[in-house]
Amino acid sequence: MDDLIIFLLMIIIPIGAQMYIMYTYNKYKKVNNSNNFSGFEVARSILDANGLENVHVVEVHGQLSDHYDPKRKVVRLSTEVFHGETIASSSIAAHEVGHAIQDKESYTFLKVRSFIFPFAKIVSYAAYIMLIAAIVMEAINLIWLAIGLMIFSLSFQLVTLPVEFNASQRAKEELNKLNLISNSEMIGVEGVLKSAALTYVASLAASILQILRIVLRFRD
């Protein structure tokens, strides 16, 4: 029964978070911001105000494919966000620029995440390969080693949380400081940013539950 409950939670939590962000995004992509600024204009304004004229803002395909590339110093915005003059577009564009500002200021958690990322990815793959091999060979000690590697790989997801929360906080501050969004529209901005942050929390929770499920299976 415990195994079934954990398994269901592993499915429900991420799906629920994804449904919530889509609901919030679809709601506020229909609400124009009072200044009629596009996502591109919002991003460009915040970047220039923070001395980041060297960071480019480009359009990419896909929905919610927005991200900041620290290697190439580029903010990539999906078509809807790039051209959209909505609260959702302004929120997402400002959030991604928040990462660019973190990069400029050498924000500690961003540096840690960038350092951990390649190791966490390799360790995660190795852990699952080791787990499968351990089950096939019935090697209990190897199973616990695989679990240990899985726990280490959680470090990337864990350090991602302060990076995302901080970027959202910077986004709200910049939107307000530069008068890119009116006070009455900040409720919508907070809704969009909170729903996005929830997906990272949900992903971490699902990973923890997955490890817990494996531990419960092999603890005896």
N, C-alpha and C. Protein backbone atom coordinates (compact mmCIF):
# COMPACT_ATOMS: atom_id res chain seq x y z
N MET A 1 0.83 -1.21 0.00
CA MET A 1 0.00 0.00 0.00
C MET A 1 0.87 1.26 0.00
N ASP A 2 1.91 1.27 0.87
CA ASP A 2 2.82 2.42 0.92
C ASP A 2 3.45 2.67 -0.45
N ASP A 3 3.85 1.57 -1.10
CA ASP A 3 4.49 1.67 -2.40
C ASP A 3 3.54 2.28 -3.43
N LEU A 4 2.27 1.86 -3.39
CA LEU A 4 1.28 2.37 -4.33
C LEU A 4 1.02 3.86 -4.11
N ILE A 5 0.91 4.25 -2.84
CA ILE A 5 0.67 5.67 -2.51
C ILE A 5 1.82 6.54 -3.00
N ILE A 6 3.05 6.09 -2.72
CA ILE A 6 4.23 6.86 -3.15
C ILE A 6 4.28 6.95 -4.67
N PHE A 7 3.99 5.83 -5.33
CA PHE A 7 3.99 5.81 -6.80
C PHE A 7 2.97 6.80 -7.38
N LEU A 8 1.78 6.82 -6.79
CA LEU A 8 0.74 7.73 -7.26
C LEU A 8 1.14 9.19 -7.02
N LEU A 9 1.76 9.46 -5.87
CA LEU A 9 2.21 10.82 -5.56
C LEU A 9 3.29 11.26 -6.54
N MET A 10 4.17 10.32 -6.91
CA MET A 10 5.23 10.62 -7.88
C MET A 10 4.65 11.08 -9.21
N ILE A 11 3.49 10.55 -9.55
CA ILE A 11 2.83 10.92 -10.81
C ILE A 11 2.00 12.18 -10.65
N ILE A 12 1.21 12.23 -9.58
CA ILE A 12 0.25 13.31 -9.38
C ILE A 12 0.92 14.67 -9.14
N ILE A 13 1.97 14.70 -8.30
CA ILE A 13 2.59 15.98 -7.93
C ILE A 13 3.17 16.73 -9.14
N PRO A 14 4.01 16.09 -9.97
CA PRO A 14 4.54 16.83 -11.14
C PRO A 14 3.45 17.21 -12.14
N ILE A 15 2.51 16.29 -12.38
CA ILE A 15 1.43 16.59 -13.33
C ILE A 15 0.57 17.74 -12.82
N GLY A 16 0.28 17.71 -11.51
CA GLY A 16 -0.51 18.79 -10.91
C GLY A 16 0.18 20.13 -11.04
N ALA A 17 1.50 20.14 -10.80
CA ALA A 17 2.27 21.39 -10.91
C ALA A 17 2.29 21.89 -12.35
N GLN A 18 2.42 20.96 -13.29
CA GLN A 18 2.44 21.35 -14.71
C GLN A 18 1.09 21.89 -15.15
N MET A 19 0.02 21.27 -14.67
CA MET A 19 -1.33 21.75 -15.00
C MET A 19 -1.56 23.15 -14.43
N TYR A 20 -1.02 23.37 -13.23
CA TYR A 20 -1.20 24.67 -12.57
C TYR A 20 -0.46 25.78 -13.32
N ILE A 21 0.76 25.49 -13.75
CA ILE A 21 1.51 26.53 -14.48
C ILE A 21 0.86 26.82 -15.83
N MET A 22 0.33 25.78 -16.48
CA MET A 22 -0.34 26.01 -17.77
C MET A 22 -1.62 26.81 -17.58
N TYR A 23 -2.34 26.51 -16.49
CA TYR A 23 -3.57 27.26 -16.19
C TYR A 23 -3.24 28.74 -15.95
N THR A 24 -2.22 28.98 -15.13
CA THR A 24 -1.84 30.36 -14.80
C THR A 24 -1.30 31.09 -16.03
N TYR A 25 -0.46 30.41 -16.79
CA TYR A 25 0.11 31.01 -18.00
C TYR A 25 -0.99 31.36 -19.00
N ASN A 26 -1.89 30.41 -19.24
CA ASN A 26 -2.98 30.65 -20.20
C ASN A 26 -3.91 31.77 -19.73
N LYS A 27 -4.05 31.90 -18.42
CA LYS A 27 -4.90 32.96 -17.87
C LYS A 27 -4.29 34.33 -18.13
N TYR A 28 -3.01 34.48 -17.81
CA TYR A 28 -2.38 35.80 -17.90
C TYR A 28 -1.78 36.12 -19.27
N LYS A 29 -1.76 35.14 -20.17
CA LYS A 29 -1.31 35.47 -21.53
C LYS A 29 -2.45 36.14 -22.31
N LYS A 30 -3.63 36.15 -21.69
CA LYS A 30 -4.79 36.81 -22.30
C LYS A 30 -4.99 38.22 -21.75
N VAL A 31 -4.15 38.58 -20.76
CA VAL A 31 -4.29 39.90 -20.11
C VAL A 31 -3.12 40.79 -20.53
N ASN A 32 -3.40 41.81 -21.31
CA ASN A 32 -2.35 42.73 -21.75
C ASN A 32 -1.84 43.59 -20.60
N ASN A 33 -0.53 43.87 -20.62
CA ASN A 33 0.01 44.80 -19.62
C ASN A 33 -0.36 46.23 -20.03
N SER A 34 -0.49 47.08 -19.07
CA SER A 34 -1.00 48.45 -19.31
C SER A 34 -0.07 49.29 -20.19
N ASN A 35 1.23 48.94 -20.21
CA ASN A 35 2.19 49.71 -21.02
C ASN A 35 2.35 49.19 -22.44
N ASN A 36 1.71 48.04 -22.70
CA ASN A 36 1.81 47.41 -24.03
C ASN A 36 3.25 47.10 -24.44
N PHE A 37 4.07 46.71 -23.45
CA PHE A 37 5.44 46.30 -23.74
C PHE A 37 5.45 44.82 -24.09
N SER A 38 6.19 44.46 -25.12
CA SER A 38 6.35 43.04 -25.46
C SER A 38 7.36 42.41 -24.51
N GLY A 39 7.42 41.09 -24.52
CA GLY A 39 8.41 40.40 -23.70
C GLY A 39 9.81 40.82 -24.07
N PHE A 40 10.04 41.00 -25.37
CA PHE A 40 11.37 41.46 -25.83
C PHE A 40 11.70 42.82 -25.25
N GLU A 41 10.74 43.74 -25.29
CA GLU A 41 10.98 45.10 -24.79
C GLU A 41 11.23 45.11 -23.29
N VAL A 42 10.50 44.26 -22.57
CA VAL A 42 10.70 44.16 -21.12
C VAL A 42 12.10 43.64 -20.83
N ALA A 43 12.48 42.56 -21.51
CA ALA A 43 13.81 41.97 -21.30
C ALA A 43 14.91 42.97 -21.65
N ARG A 44 14.78 43.63 -22.79
CA ARG A 44 15.79 44.58 -23.23
C ARG A 44 15.91 45.75 -22.26
N SER A 45 14.78 46.24 -21.76
CA SER A 45 14.78 47.37 -20.83
C SER A 45 15.52 47.03 -19.54
N ILE A 46 15.23 45.84 -18.99
CA ILE A 46 15.86 45.43 -17.73
C ILE A 46 17.35 45.18 -17.93
N LEU A 47 17.70 44.54 -19.03
CA LEU A 47 19.11 44.27 -19.32
C LEU A 47 19.90 45.57 -19.42
N ASP A 48 19.38 46.51 -20.20
CA ASP A 48 20.08 47.79 -20.40
C ASP A 48 20.19 48.58 -19.10
N ALA A 49 19.15 48.50 -18.27
CA ALA A 49 19.16 49.23 -17.00
C ALA A 49 20.19 48.66 -16.03
N ASN A 50 20.60 47.41 -16.26
CA ASN A 50 21.57 46.76 -15.39
C ASN A 50 22.94 46.61 -16.05
N GLY A 51 23.18 47.40 -17.08
CA GLY A 51 24.48 47.39 -17.73
C GLY A 51 24.79 46.11 -18.48
N LEU A 52 23.74 45.45 -18.98
CA LEU A 52 23.94 44.19 -19.69
C LEU A 52 23.59 44.34 -21.18
N GLU A 53 24.10 45.41 -21.77
CA GLU A 53 23.85 45.65 -23.20
C GLU A 53 24.44 44.56 -24.07
N ASN A 54 25.43 43.83 -23.55
CA ASN A 54 26.09 42.76 -24.31
C ASN A 54 25.26 41.49 -24.38
N VAL A 55 24.23 41.39 -23.55
CA VAL A 55 23.38 40.19 -23.55
C VAL A 55 22.28 40.37 -24.61
N HIS A 56 22.19 39.41 -25.51
CA HIS A 56 21.20 39.49 -26.59
C HIS A 56 19.89 38.82 -26.17
N VAL A 57 18.80 39.25 -26.78
CA VAL A 57 17.49 38.64 -26.56
C VAL A 57 17.01 38.11 -27.90
N VAL A 58 16.79 36.80 -27.99
CA VAL A 58 16.40 36.21 -29.27
C VAL A 58 15.13 35.38 -29.11
N GLU A 59 14.48 35.16 -30.23
CA GLU A 59 13.23 34.38 -30.26
C GLU A 59 13.54 32.91 -30.57
N VAL A 60 12.88 32.00 -29.84
CA VAL A 60 13.04 30.57 -30.10
C VAL A 60 11.66 29.93 -30.21
N HIS A 61 11.62 28.76 -30.84
CA HIS A 61 10.35 28.05 -31.01
C HIS A 61 9.99 27.30 -29.72
N GLY A 62 8.73 26.88 -29.64
CA GLY A 62 8.27 26.10 -28.50
C GLY A 62 7.52 26.95 -27.50
N GLN A 63 6.71 26.28 -26.69
CA GLN A 63 5.96 26.98 -25.64
C GLN A 63 6.68 26.83 -24.31
N LEU A 64 6.84 27.92 -23.59
CA LEU A 64 7.55 27.94 -22.30
C LEU A 64 8.95 27.34 -22.43
N SER A 65 9.60 27.64 -23.56
CA SER A 65 10.97 27.17 -23.80
C SER A 65 11.98 28.27 -23.44
N ASP A 66 11.51 29.24 -22.69
CA ASP A 66 12.32 30.41 -22.34
C ASP A 66 13.46 30.03 -21.39
N HIS A 67 14.64 30.58 -21.62
CA HIS A 67 15.77 30.33 -20.73
C HIS A 67 16.90 31.32 -21.01
N TYR A 68 17.82 31.37 -20.05
CA TYR A 68 19.02 32.19 -20.20
C TYR A 68 20.21 31.27 -20.41
N ASP A 69 21.01 31.57 -21.42
CA ASP A 69 22.21 30.78 -21.72
C ASP A 69 23.43 31.55 -21.21
N PRO A 70 24.00 31.12 -20.08
CA PRO A 70 25.13 31.85 -19.49
C PRO A 70 26.42 31.75 -20.31
N LYS A 71 26.55 30.70 -21.12
CA LYS A 71 27.76 30.55 -21.93
C LYS A 71 27.78 31.54 -23.08
N ARG A 72 26.64 31.68 -23.74
CA ARG A 72 26.57 32.57 -24.91
C ARG A 72 26.03 33.95 -24.55
N LYS A 73 25.64 34.14 -23.28
CA LYS A 73 25.09 35.43 -22.83
C LYS A 73 23.88 35.82 -23.68
N VAL A 74 22.93 34.92 -23.74
CA VAL A 74 21.72 35.13 -24.55
C VAL A 74 20.48 34.77 -23.74
N VAL A 75 19.49 35.66 -23.78
CA VAL A 75 18.17 35.35 -23.21
C VAL A 75 17.31 34.87 -24.37
N ARG A 76 16.83 33.63 -24.28
CA ARG A 76 16.00 33.07 -25.34
C ARG A 76 14.54 33.05 -24.88
N LEU A 77 13.69 33.68 -25.66
CA LEU A 77 12.27 33.77 -25.33
C LEU A 77 11.44 33.06 -26.40
N SER A 78 10.46 32.28 -25.96
CA SER A 78 9.55 31.62 -26.89
C SER A 78 8.77 32.67 -27.67
N THR A 79 8.23 32.28 -28.81
CA THR A 79 7.55 33.23 -29.70
C THR A 79 6.45 34.01 -28.99
N GLU A 80 5.62 33.32 -28.21
CA GLU A 80 4.52 33.99 -27.50
C GLU A 80 5.04 35.02 -26.51
N VAL A 81 6.09 34.66 -25.80
CA VAL A 81 6.66 35.57 -24.80
C VAL A 81 7.40 36.72 -25.48
N PHE A 82 8.15 36.42 -26.51
CA PHE A 82 8.94 37.43 -27.23
C PHE A 82 8.05 38.56 -27.76
N HIS A 83 6.95 38.18 -28.39
CA HIS A 83 6.07 39.17 -29.03
C HIS A 83 4.90 39.60 -28.15
N GLY A 84 4.55 38.78 -27.17
CA GLY A 84 3.36 39.05 -26.37
C GLY A 84 3.46 40.29 -25.50
N GLU A 85 2.40 41.08 -25.50
CA GLU A 85 2.35 42.30 -24.67
C GLU A 85 1.46 42.03 -23.45
N THR A 86 1.69 40.88 -22.84
CA THR A 86 0.83 40.41 -21.75
C THR A 86 1.57 40.36 -20.42
N ILE A 87 0.80 40.16 -19.35
CA ILE A 87 1.41 40.02 -18.02
C ILE A 87 2.27 38.76 -17.97
N ALA A 88 1.80 37.69 -18.60
CA ALA A 88 2.57 36.44 -18.62
C ALA A 88 3.91 36.65 -19.33
N SER A 89 3.89 37.31 -20.47
CA SER A 89 5.12 37.55 -21.24
C SER A 89 6.10 38.41 -20.46
N SER A 90 5.58 39.46 -19.83
CA SER A 90 6.44 40.36 -19.04
C SER A 90 7.08 39.62 -17.87
N SER A 91 6.29 38.77 -17.21
CA SER A 91 6.77 38.03 -16.03
C SER A 91 7.89 37.07 -16.41
N ILE A 92 7.65 36.30 -17.46
CA ILE A 92 8.63 35.29 -17.88
C ILE A 92 9.90 35.94 -18.42
N ALA A 93 9.74 36.99 -19.22
CA ALA A 93 10.91 37.70 -19.76
C ALA A 93 11.76 38.28 -18.64
N ALA A 94 11.10 38.88 -17.66
CA ALA A 94 11.82 39.48 -16.52
C ALA A 94 12.53 38.41 -15.70
N HIS A 95 11.88 37.26 -15.55
CA HIS A 95 12.48 36.15 -14.78
C HIS A 95 13.77 35.67 -15.45
N GLU A 96 13.74 35.49 -16.76
CA GLU A 96 14.94 35.02 -17.46
C GLU A 96 16.06 36.05 -17.39
N VAL A 97 15.70 37.32 -17.45
CA VAL A 97 16.71 38.37 -17.30
C VAL A 97 17.27 38.35 -15.88
N GLY A 98 16.44 37.93 -14.93
CA GLY A 98 16.91 37.79 -13.55
C GLY A 98 18.11 36.86 -13.47
N HIS A 99 18.10 35.80 -14.29
CA HIS A 99 19.24 34.88 -14.34
C HIS A 99 20.47 35.57 -14.93
N ALA A 100 20.26 36.43 -15.91
CA ALA A 100 21.38 37.16 -16.51
C ALA A 100 22.02 38.09 -15.48
N ILE A 101 21.19 38.71 -14.65
CA ILE A 101 21.70 39.58 -13.59
C ILE A 101 22.46 38.76 -12.56
N GLN A 102 21.93 37.58 -12.23
CA GLN A 102 22.63 36.67 -11.31
C GLN A 102 24.01 36.34 -11.87
N ASP A 103 24.06 36.06 -13.16
CA ASP A 103 25.32 35.72 -13.81
C ASP A 103 26.31 36.87 -13.71
N LYS A 104 25.84 38.07 -13.97
CA LYS A 104 26.69 39.26 -13.89
C LYS A 104 27.26 39.44 -12.49
N GLU A 105 26.42 39.20 -11.48
CA GLU A 105 26.81 39.42 -10.09
C GLU A 105 27.47 38.19 -9.46
N SER A 106 27.68 37.15 -10.27
CA SER A 106 28.28 35.90 -9.78
C SER A 106 27.51 35.37 -8.57
N TYR A 107 26.21 35.30 -8.72
CA TYR A 107 25.33 34.80 -7.65
C TYR A 107 25.78 33.40 -7.24
N THR A 108 26.03 33.21 -5.97
CA THR A 108 26.65 31.99 -5.45
C THR A 108 25.94 30.72 -5.88
N PHE A 109 24.63 30.65 -5.67
CA PHE A 109 23.90 29.43 -5.98
C PHE A 109 23.90 29.12 -7.48
N LEU A 110 23.94 30.16 -8.32
CA LEU A 110 24.01 29.94 -9.77
C LEU A 110 25.36 29.32 -10.12
N LYS A 111 26.43 29.81 -9.50
CA LYS A 111 27.76 29.26 -9.75
C LYS A 111 27.85 27.81 -9.28
N VAL A 112 27.26 27.55 -8.11
CA VAL A 112 27.26 26.18 -7.57
C VAL A 112 26.48 25.25 -8.50
N ARG A 113 25.31 25.72 -8.97
CA ARG A 113 24.49 24.89 -9.86
C ARG A 113 25.24 24.59 -11.16
N SER A 114 25.89 25.59 -11.72
CA SER A 114 26.64 25.40 -12.96
C SER A 114 27.78 24.41 -12.77
N PHE A 115 28.40 24.44 -11.58
CA PHE A 115 29.50 23.52 -11.28
C PHE A 115 28.99 22.10 -11.10
N ILE A 116 27.86 21.96 -10.41
CA ILE A 116 27.31 20.65 -10.09
C ILE A 116 26.70 19.97 -11.31
N PHE A 117 26.10 20.75 -12.20
CA PHE A 117 25.28 20.20 -13.29
C PHE A 117 25.90 19.03 -14.04
N PRO A 118 27.12 19.15 -14.60
CA PRO A 118 27.66 18.01 -15.37
C PRO A 118 27.87 16.77 -14.52
N PHE A 119 28.28 16.95 -13.26
CA PHE A 119 28.50 15.82 -12.37
C PHE A 119 27.17 15.16 -12.00
N ALA A 120 26.17 15.98 -11.69
CA ALA A 120 24.86 15.46 -11.29
C ALA A 120 24.24 14.65 -12.41
N LYS A 121 24.42 15.11 -13.64
CA LYS A 121 23.85 14.42 -14.79
C LYS A 121 24.50 13.04 -14.96
N ILE A 122 25.81 13.00 -14.88
CA ILE A 122 26.54 11.74 -15.03
C ILE A 122 26.20 10.79 -13.88
N VAL A 123 26.19 11.32 -12.66
CA VAL A 123 25.90 10.51 -11.48
C VAL A 123 24.48 9.94 -11.55
N SER A 124 23.55 10.74 -12.04
CA SER A 124 22.16 10.29 -12.15
C SER A 124 22.05 9.10 -13.10
N TYR A 125 22.70 9.19 -14.26
CA TYR A 125 22.69 8.08 -15.22
C TYR A 125 23.36 6.85 -14.61
N ALA A 126 24.50 7.06 -13.97
CA ALA A 126 25.25 5.96 -13.37
C ALA A 126 24.44 5.27 -12.28
N ALA A 127 23.69 6.05 -11.51
CA ALA A 127 22.89 5.50 -10.41
C ALA A 127 21.84 4.54 -10.93
N TYR A 128 21.15 4.92 -12.00
CA TYR A 128 20.08 4.06 -12.53
C TYR A 128 20.65 2.81 -13.20
N ILE A 129 21.78 2.95 -13.88
CA ILE A 129 22.43 1.77 -14.47
C ILE A 129 22.88 0.82 -13.37
N MET A 130 23.46 1.39 -12.32
CA MET A 130 23.92 0.59 -11.18
C MET A 130 22.75 -0.10 -10.49
N LEU A 131 21.63 0.61 -10.37
CA LEU A 131 20.45 0.04 -9.70
C LEU A 131 19.91 -1.15 -10.48
N ILE A 132 19.83 -1.01 -11.80
CA ILE A 132 19.35 -2.12 -12.63
C ILE A 132 20.29 -3.32 -12.53
N ALA A 133 21.59 -3.04 -12.58
CA ALA A 133 22.58 -4.12 -12.47
C ALA A 133 22.50 -4.79 -11.11
N ALA A 134 22.30 -4.00 -10.06
CA ALA A 134 22.22 -4.54 -8.70
C ALA A 134 21.01 -5.44 -8.53
N ILE A 135 19.89 -5.04 -9.12
CA ILE A 135 18.67 -5.86 -9.03
C ILE A 135 18.85 -7.18 -9.78
N VAL A 136 19.44 -7.10 -10.96
CA VAL A 136 19.67 -8.31 -11.77
C VAL A 136 20.61 -9.26 -11.04
N MET A 137 21.67 -8.72 -10.43
CA MET A 137 22.67 -9.55 -9.75
C MET A 137 22.30 -9.83 -8.29
N GLU A 138 21.18 -9.21 -7.84
CA GLU A 138 20.74 -9.35 -6.45
C GLU A 138 21.85 -8.92 -5.47
N ALA A 139 22.51 -7.84 -5.82
CA ALA A 139 23.60 -7.31 -4.98
C ALA A 139 23.07 -6.15 -4.14
N ILE A 140 22.71 -6.44 -2.90
CA ILE A 140 22.10 -5.45 -2.01
C ILE A 140 23.02 -4.26 -1.76
N ASN A 141 24.30 -4.53 -1.53
CA ASN A 141 25.25 -3.43 -1.26
C ASN A 141 25.33 -2.46 -2.44
N LEU A 142 25.25 -3.01 -3.63
CA LEU A 142 25.29 -2.17 -4.83
C LEU A 142 24.03 -1.32 -4.94
N ILE A 143 22.92 -1.87 -4.48
CA ILE A 143 21.65 -1.12 -4.49
C ILE A 143 21.77 0.12 -3.60
N TRP A 144 22.34 -0.07 -2.42
CA TRP A 144 22.49 1.07 -1.50
C TRP A 144 23.48 2.10 -2.02
N LEU A 145 24.48 1.65 -2.76
CA LEU A 145 25.41 2.59 -3.39
C LEU A 145 24.68 3.40 -4.47
N ALA A 146 23.82 2.72 -5.22
CA ALA A 146 23.03 3.41 -6.25
C ALA A 146 22.11 4.45 -5.62
N ILE A 147 21.52 4.10 -4.49
CA ILE A 147 20.65 5.04 -3.78
C ILE A 147 21.45 6.25 -3.31
N GLY A 148 22.67 5.99 -2.84
CA GLY A 148 23.54 7.09 -2.41
C GLY A 148 23.85 8.04 -3.56
N LEU A 149 24.08 7.49 -4.74
CA LEU A 149 24.34 8.32 -5.92
C LEU A 149 23.10 9.13 -6.32
N MET A 150 21.94 8.51 -6.16
CA MET A 150 20.68 9.22 -6.46
C MET A 150 20.50 10.41 -5.53
N ILE A 151 20.83 10.20 -4.27
CA ILE A 151 20.71 11.29 -3.29
C ILE A 151 21.67 12.42 -3.66
N PHE A 152 22.88 12.07 -4.09
CA PHE A 152 23.83 13.10 -4.52
C PHE A 152 23.28 13.89 -5.71
N SER A 153 22.65 13.18 -6.64
CA SER A 153 22.12 13.85 -7.84
C SER A 153 21.00 14.83 -7.50
N LEU A 154 20.39 14.66 -6.32
CA LEU A 154 19.36 15.59 -5.88
C LEU A 154 19.93 16.98 -5.60
N SER A 155 21.24 17.04 -5.38
CA SER A 155 21.87 18.32 -5.04
C SER A 155 21.63 19.37 -6.12
N PHE A 156 21.58 18.93 -7.38
CA PHE A 156 21.34 19.87 -8.47
C PHE A 156 19.93 20.46 -8.37
N GLN A 157 18.95 19.59 -8.13
CA GLN A 157 17.57 20.06 -8.00
C GLN A 157 17.41 20.95 -6.78
N LEU A 158 18.11 20.59 -5.72
CA LEU A 158 18.00 21.34 -4.47
C LEU A 158 18.57 22.75 -4.63
N VAL A 159 19.72 22.87 -5.25
CA VAL A 159 20.36 24.18 -5.41
C VAL A 159 19.65 25.01 -6.48
N THR A 160 18.85 24.35 -7.31
CA THR A 160 18.07 25.08 -8.33
C THR A 160 17.00 25.95 -7.69
N LEU A 161 16.46 25.50 -6.55
CA LEU A 161 15.36 26.24 -5.91
C LEU A 161 15.73 27.68 -5.57
N PRO A 162 16.83 27.93 -4.82
CA PRO A 162 17.16 29.33 -4.53
C PRO A 162 17.50 30.14 -5.78
N VAL A 163 18.04 29.48 -6.80
CA VAL A 163 18.35 30.18 -8.06
C VAL A 163 17.07 30.69 -8.70
N GLU A 164 16.05 29.83 -8.76
CA GLU A 164 14.79 30.21 -9.39
C GLU A 164 14.01 31.22 -8.54
N PHE A 165 13.97 31.00 -7.23
CA PHE A 165 13.26 31.94 -6.36
C PHE A 165 13.88 33.33 -6.41
N ASN A 166 15.22 33.36 -6.42
CA ASN A 166 15.93 34.64 -6.46
C ASN A 166 15.70 35.35 -7.79
N ALA A 167 15.69 34.60 -8.89
CA ALA A 167 15.45 35.20 -10.21
C ALA A 167 14.05 35.81 -10.27
N SER A 168 13.09 35.14 -9.65
CA SER A 168 11.72 35.66 -9.62
C SER A 168 11.63 36.93 -8.78
N GLN A 169 12.34 36.94 -7.67
CA GLN A 169 12.35 38.13 -6.81
C GLN A 169 12.99 39.31 -7.55
N ARG A 170 14.07 39.05 -8.25
CA ARG A 170 14.73 40.10 -9.04
C ARG A 170 13.78 40.60 -10.13
N ALA A 171 13.05 39.68 -10.74
CA ALA A 171 12.10 40.05 -11.81
C ALA A 171 11.05 41.03 -11.29
N LYS A 172 10.48 40.71 -10.14
CA LYS A 172 9.45 41.59 -9.55
C LYS A 172 10.03 42.97 -9.21
N GLU A 173 11.22 42.97 -8.65
CA GLU A 173 11.86 44.24 -8.28
C GLU A 173 12.14 45.10 -9.51
N GLU A 174 12.64 44.49 -10.58
CA GLU A 174 12.97 45.24 -11.79
C GLU A 174 11.72 45.75 -12.49
N LEU A 175 10.70 44.92 -12.56
CA LEU A 175 9.44 45.33 -13.20
C LEU A 175 8.83 46.53 -12.47
N ASN A 176 8.93 46.49 -11.16
CA ASN A 176 8.38 47.57 -10.33
C ASN A 176 9.25 48.83 -10.42
N LYS A 177 10.56 48.65 -10.30
CA LYS A 177 11.50 49.78 -10.29
C LYS A 177 11.48 50.55 -11.60
N LEU A 178 11.37 49.83 -12.71
CA LEU A 178 11.40 50.46 -14.04
C LEU A 178 10.01 50.81 -14.56
N ASN A 179 9.01 50.60 -13.70
CA ASN A 179 7.61 50.92 -14.07
C ASN A 179 7.16 50.21 -15.34
N LEU A 180 7.62 48.98 -15.49
CA LEU A 180 7.23 48.19 -16.66
C LEU A 180 5.87 47.52 -16.45
N ILE A 181 5.48 47.43 -15.18
CA ILE A 181 4.20 46.83 -14.80
C ILE A 181 3.56 47.74 -13.75
N SER A 182 2.25 47.90 -13.81
CA SER A 182 1.56 48.73 -12.80
C SER A 182 1.39 47.93 -11.52
N ASN A 183 1.15 48.63 -10.42
CA ASN A 183 0.97 47.97 -9.12
C ASN A 183 -0.17 46.96 -9.15
N SER A 184 -1.24 47.30 -9.84
CA SER A 184 -2.40 46.40 -9.89
C SER A 184 -2.11 45.11 -10.66
N GLU A 185 -1.10 45.16 -11.54
CA GLU A 185 -0.75 43.99 -12.35
C GLU A 185 0.24 43.06 -11.65
N MET A 186 0.80 43.51 -10.52
CA MET A 186 1.79 42.70 -9.81
C MET A 186 1.20 41.40 -9.27
N ILE A 187 -0.10 41.39 -9.00
CA ILE A 187 -0.75 40.15 -8.54
C ILE A 187 -0.62 39.07 -9.61
N GLY A 188 -0.84 39.47 -10.86
CA GLY A 188 -0.69 38.53 -11.97
C GLY A 188 0.74 38.08 -12.15
N VAL A 189 1.67 39.01 -12.00
CA VAL A 189 3.10 38.67 -12.11
C VAL A 189 3.48 37.64 -11.05
N GLU A 190 3.06 37.87 -9.82
CA GLU A 190 3.37 36.94 -8.74
C GLU A 190 2.74 35.58 -8.99
N GLY A 191 1.54 35.56 -9.55
CA GLY A 191 0.88 34.30 -9.86
C GLY A 191 1.65 33.49 -10.88
N VAL A 192 2.11 34.14 -11.92
CA VAL A 192 2.87 33.46 -12.98
C VAL A 192 4.20 32.93 -12.43
N LEU A 193 4.90 33.76 -11.68
CA LEU A 193 6.22 33.37 -11.16
C LEU A 193 6.12 32.28 -10.10
N LYS A 194 5.10 32.34 -9.25
CA LYS A 194 4.91 31.31 -8.22
C LYS A 194 4.58 29.96 -8.85
N SER A 195 3.74 29.97 -9.87
CA SER A 195 3.37 28.71 -10.53
C SER A 195 4.59 28.08 -11.20
N ALA A 196 5.46 28.92 -11.76
CA ALA A 196 6.69 28.40 -12.40
C ALA A 196 7.62 27.80 -11.35
N ALA A 197 7.75 28.48 -10.22
CA ALA A 197 8.62 27.98 -9.14
C ALA A 197 8.10 26.66 -8.59
N LEU A 198 6.78 26.51 -8.58
CA LEU A 198 6.17 25.30 -8.04
C LEU A 198 6.58 24.06 -8.82
N THR A 199 6.85 24.21 -10.11
CA THR A 199 7.26 23.05 -10.92
C THR A 199 8.61 22.50 -10.45
N TYR A 200 9.50 23.38 -10.01
CA TYR A 200 10.80 22.93 -9.50
C TYR A 200 10.66 22.23 -8.16
N VAL A 201 9.78 22.75 -7.32
CA VAL A 201 9.50 22.13 -6.03
C VAL A 201 8.89 20.75 -6.25
N ALA A 202 7.95 20.67 -7.18
CA ALA A 202 7.28 19.40 -7.48
C ALA A 202 8.26 18.37 -8.02
N SER A 203 9.18 18.81 -8.87
CA SER A 203 10.18 17.91 -9.44
C SER A 203 11.08 17.35 -8.35
N LEU A 204 11.50 18.20 -7.42
CA LEU A 204 12.33 17.75 -6.30
C LEU A 204 11.56 16.77 -5.43
N ALA A 205 10.30 17.08 -5.13
CA ALA A 205 9.48 16.21 -4.30
C ALA A 205 9.31 14.84 -4.95
N ALA A 206 9.09 14.81 -6.26
CA ALA A 206 8.92 13.55 -6.98
C ALA A 206 10.20 12.71 -6.93
N SER A 207 11.34 13.37 -7.04
CA SER A 207 12.63 12.66 -6.99
C SER A 207 12.87 12.07 -5.60
N ILE A 208 12.53 12.83 -4.57
CA ILE A 208 12.67 12.35 -3.20
C ILE A 208 11.77 11.14 -2.96
N LEU A 209 10.54 11.22 -3.46
CA LEU A 209 9.59 10.11 -3.32
C LEU A 209 10.09 8.87 -4.05
N GLN A 210 10.71 9.08 -5.19
CA GLN A 210 11.24 7.95 -5.96
C GLN A 210 12.34 7.23 -5.17
N ILE A 211 13.21 8.01 -4.55
CA ILE A 211 14.28 7.41 -3.73
C ILE A 211 13.67 6.71 -2.52
N LEU A 212 12.69 7.34 -1.89
CA LEU A 212 12.02 6.74 -0.74
C LEU A 212 11.37 5.41 -1.12
N ARG A 213 10.78 5.36 -2.29
CA ARG A 213 10.13 4.13 -2.77
C ARG A 213 11.14 3.00 -2.92
N ILE A 214 12.31 3.33 -3.46
CA ILE A 214 13.36 2.32 -3.63
C ILE A 214 13.88 1.85 -2.27
N VAL A 215 14.07 2.81 -1.36
CA VAL A 215 14.55 2.47 -0.01
C VAL A 215 13.58 1.53 0.69
N LEU A 216 12.30 1.82 0.62
CA LEU A 216 11.28 0.99 1.27
C LEU A 216 11.23 -0.41 0.68
N ARG A 217 11.50 -0.51 -0.59
CA ARG A 217 11.49 -1.82 -1.25
C ARG A 217 12.64 -2.71 -0.81
N PHE A 218 13.78 -2.10 -0.55
CA PHE A 218 14.98 -2.90 -0.28
C PHE A 218 15.49 -2.78 1.16
N ARG A 219 14.72 -2.16 2.03
CA ARG A 219 15.21 -1.97 3.40
C ARG A 219 15.29 -3.29 4.16
N ASP A 220 14.51 -4.26 3.76
CA ASP A 220 14.54 -5.56 4.44
C ASP A 220 15.47 -6.55 3.72
